[in-house]
Amino acid sequence: MTDNAVQGPAGCFPSIEKKYGRPMAEWRVLVRAAPLSRHLELVGRLKAEHGMRHGHANALVAQTLAEAGGR
């Protein structure tokens, strides 16, 4: 791994965009607009409604909630 490689949840973002066909900005809006507030509820919604794998959904929700300072 190189020193400038993206680590943590953000390391999954390029593959999330490629696999699910939406830019990260759209996914973040979707997570923020959800009527749910708990991490695993949001993960479950992404999996059920968008067919997202658990690891991708978890990384997206974790990063989005961290940016927003939680809910």
C-alpha atoms as a PDB file:
ATOM      1  CA  MET A   1       0.000   0.000   0.000  1.00  0.00           C
ATOM      2  CA  THR A   2       1.285   3.447  -0.823  1.00  0.00           C
ATOM      3  CA  ASP A   3       1.458   6.265   1.695  1.00  0.00           C
ATOM      4  CA  ASN A   4      -1.225   8.278  -0.087  1.00  0.00           C
ATOM      5  CA  ALA A   5      -3.755   5.436  -0.447  1.00  0.00           C
ATOM      6  CA  VAL A   6      -7.195   6.253   0.934  1.00  0.00           C
ATOM      7  CA  GLN A   7      -7.917   4.205   4.030  1.00  0.00           C
ATOM      8  CA  GLY A   8     -10.965   3.577   6.158  1.00  0.00           C
ATOM      9  CA  PRO A   9     -14.518   3.712   4.817  1.00  0.00           C
ATOM     10  CA  ALA A  10     -13.565   6.160   2.058  1.00  0.00           C
ATOM     11  CA  GLY A  11     -11.364   3.460   0.533  1.00  0.00           C
ATOM     12  CA  CYS A  12     -14.559   1.681  -0.590  1.00  0.00           C
ATOM     13  CA  PHE A  13     -16.070   4.688  -2.324  1.00  0.00           C
ATOM     14  CA  PRO A  14     -14.632   4.167  -5.820  1.00  0.00           C
ATOM     15  CA  SER A  15     -15.957   0.614  -5.898  1.00  0.00           C
ATOM     16  CA  ILE A  16     -19.360   1.713  -4.506  1.00  0.00           C
ATOM     17  CA  GLU A  17     -19.692   4.256  -7.312  1.00  0.00           C
ATOM     18  CA  LYS A  18     -18.668   1.708  -9.929  1.00  0.00           C
ATOM     19  CA  LYS A  19     -20.779  -1.190  -8.645  1.00  0.00           C
ATOM     20  CA  TYR A  20     -23.988   0.716  -7.859  1.00  0.00           C
ATOM     21  CA  GLY A  21     -23.835   3.426 -10.542  1.00  0.00           C
ATOM     22  CA  ARG A  22     -24.256   6.575  -8.468  1.00  0.00           C
ATOM     23  CA  PRO A  23     -21.719   9.146  -7.327  1.00  0.00           C
ATOM     24  CA  MET A  24     -20.990   9.323  -3.613  1.00  0.00           C
ATOM     25  CA  ALA A  25     -22.728  12.702  -3.325  1.00  0.00           C
ATOM     26  CA  GLU A  26     -26.027  11.058  -4.299  1.00  0.00           C
ATOM     27  CA  TRP A  27     -25.545   8.206  -1.841  1.00  0.00           C
ATOM     28  CA  ARG A  28     -24.815  10.676   0.964  1.00  0.00           C
ATOM     29  CA  VAL A  29     -27.971  12.660   0.174  1.00  0.00           C
ATOM     30  CA  LEU A  30     -29.961   9.426   0.200  1.00  0.00           C
ATOM     31  CA  VAL A  31     -28.589   8.432   3.615  1.00  0.00           C
ATOM     32  CA  ARG A  32     -29.142  11.906   5.095  1.00  0.00           C
ATOM     33  CA  ALA A  33     -32.709  12.094   3.755  1.00  0.00           C
ATOM     34  CA  ALA A  34     -33.723   8.708   5.167  1.00  0.00           C
ATOM     35  CA  PRO A  35     -36.355   8.829   7.920  1.00  0.00           C
ATOM     36  CA  LEU A  36     -34.211   6.354   9.870  1.00  0.00           C
ATOM     37  CA  SER A  37     -31.584   7.435  12.358  1.00  0.00           C
ATOM     38  CA  ARG A  38     -29.746   4.353  13.582  1.00  0.00           C
ATOM     39  CA  HIS A  39     -26.641   3.118  11.801  1.00  0.00           C
ATOM     40  CA  LEU A  40     -27.811  -0.462  11.253  1.00  0.00           C
ATOM     41  CA  GLU A  41     -31.274   0.681  10.160  1.00  0.00           C
ATOM     42  CA  LEU A  42     -29.657   2.789   7.461  1.00  0.00           C
ATOM     43  CA  VAL A  43     -27.371  -0.070   6.446  1.00  0.00           C
ATOM     44  CA  GLY A  44     -30.370  -2.385   6.193  1.00  0.00           C
ATOM     45  CA  ARG A  45     -32.230   0.078   4.019  1.00  0.00           C
ATOM     46  CA  LEU A  46     -29.341   0.391   1.571  1.00  0.00           C
ATOM     47  CA  LYS A  47     -29.084  -3.385   1.382  1.00  0.00           C
ATOM     48  CA  ALA A  48     -32.833  -3.963   0.939  1.00  0.00           C
ATOM     49  CA  GLU A  49     -33.670  -1.106  -1.408  1.00  0.00           C
ATOM     50  CA  HIS A  50     -30.481  -0.840  -3.433  1.00  0.00           C
ATOM     51  CA  GLY A  51     -28.955  -4.316  -3.252  1.00  0.00           C
ATOM     52  CA  MET A  52     -25.835  -2.959  -1.615  1.00  0.00           C
ATOM     53  CA  ARG A  53     -23.454  -5.382   0.062  1.00  0.00           C
ATOM     54  CA  HIS A  54     -23.145  -5.065   3.827  1.00  0.00           C
ATOM     55  CA  GLY A  55     -19.547  -3.812   3.795  1.00  0.00           C
ATOM     56  CA  HIS A  56     -20.293  -1.103   1.245  1.00  0.00           C
ATOM     57  CA  ALA A  57     -23.464   0.004   3.025  1.00  0.00           C
ATOM     58  CA  ASN A  58     -21.676   0.046   6.376  1.00  0.00           C
ATOM     59  CA  ALA A  59     -18.787   2.152   5.030  1.00  0.00           C
ATOM     60  CA  LEU A  60     -21.152   4.622   3.367  1.00  0.00           C
ATOM     61  CA  VAL A  61     -23.318   5.066   6.450  1.00  0.00           C
ATOM     62  CA  ALA A  62     -20.334   5.323   8.813  1.00  0.00           C
ATOM     63  CA  GLN A  63     -18.647   8.021   6.747  1.00  0.00           C
ATOM     64  CA  THR A  64     -21.866   9.960   6.108  1.00  0.00           C
ATOM     65  CA  LEU A  65     -22.861   9.990   9.765  1.00  0.00           C
ATOM     66  CA  ALA A  66     -19.337  10.942  10.833  1.00  0.00           C
ATOM     67  CA  GLU A  67     -19.360  13.909   8.438  1.00  0.00           C
ATOM     68  CA  ALA A  68     -22.702  15.035   9.835  1.00  0.00           C
ATOM     69  CA  GLY A  69     -21.582  14.556  13.438  1.00  0.00           C
ATOM     70  CA  GLY A  70     -24.082  11.719  13.903  1.00  0.00           C
ATOM     71  CA  ARG A  71     -27.824  12.260  13.891  1.00  0.00           C
END
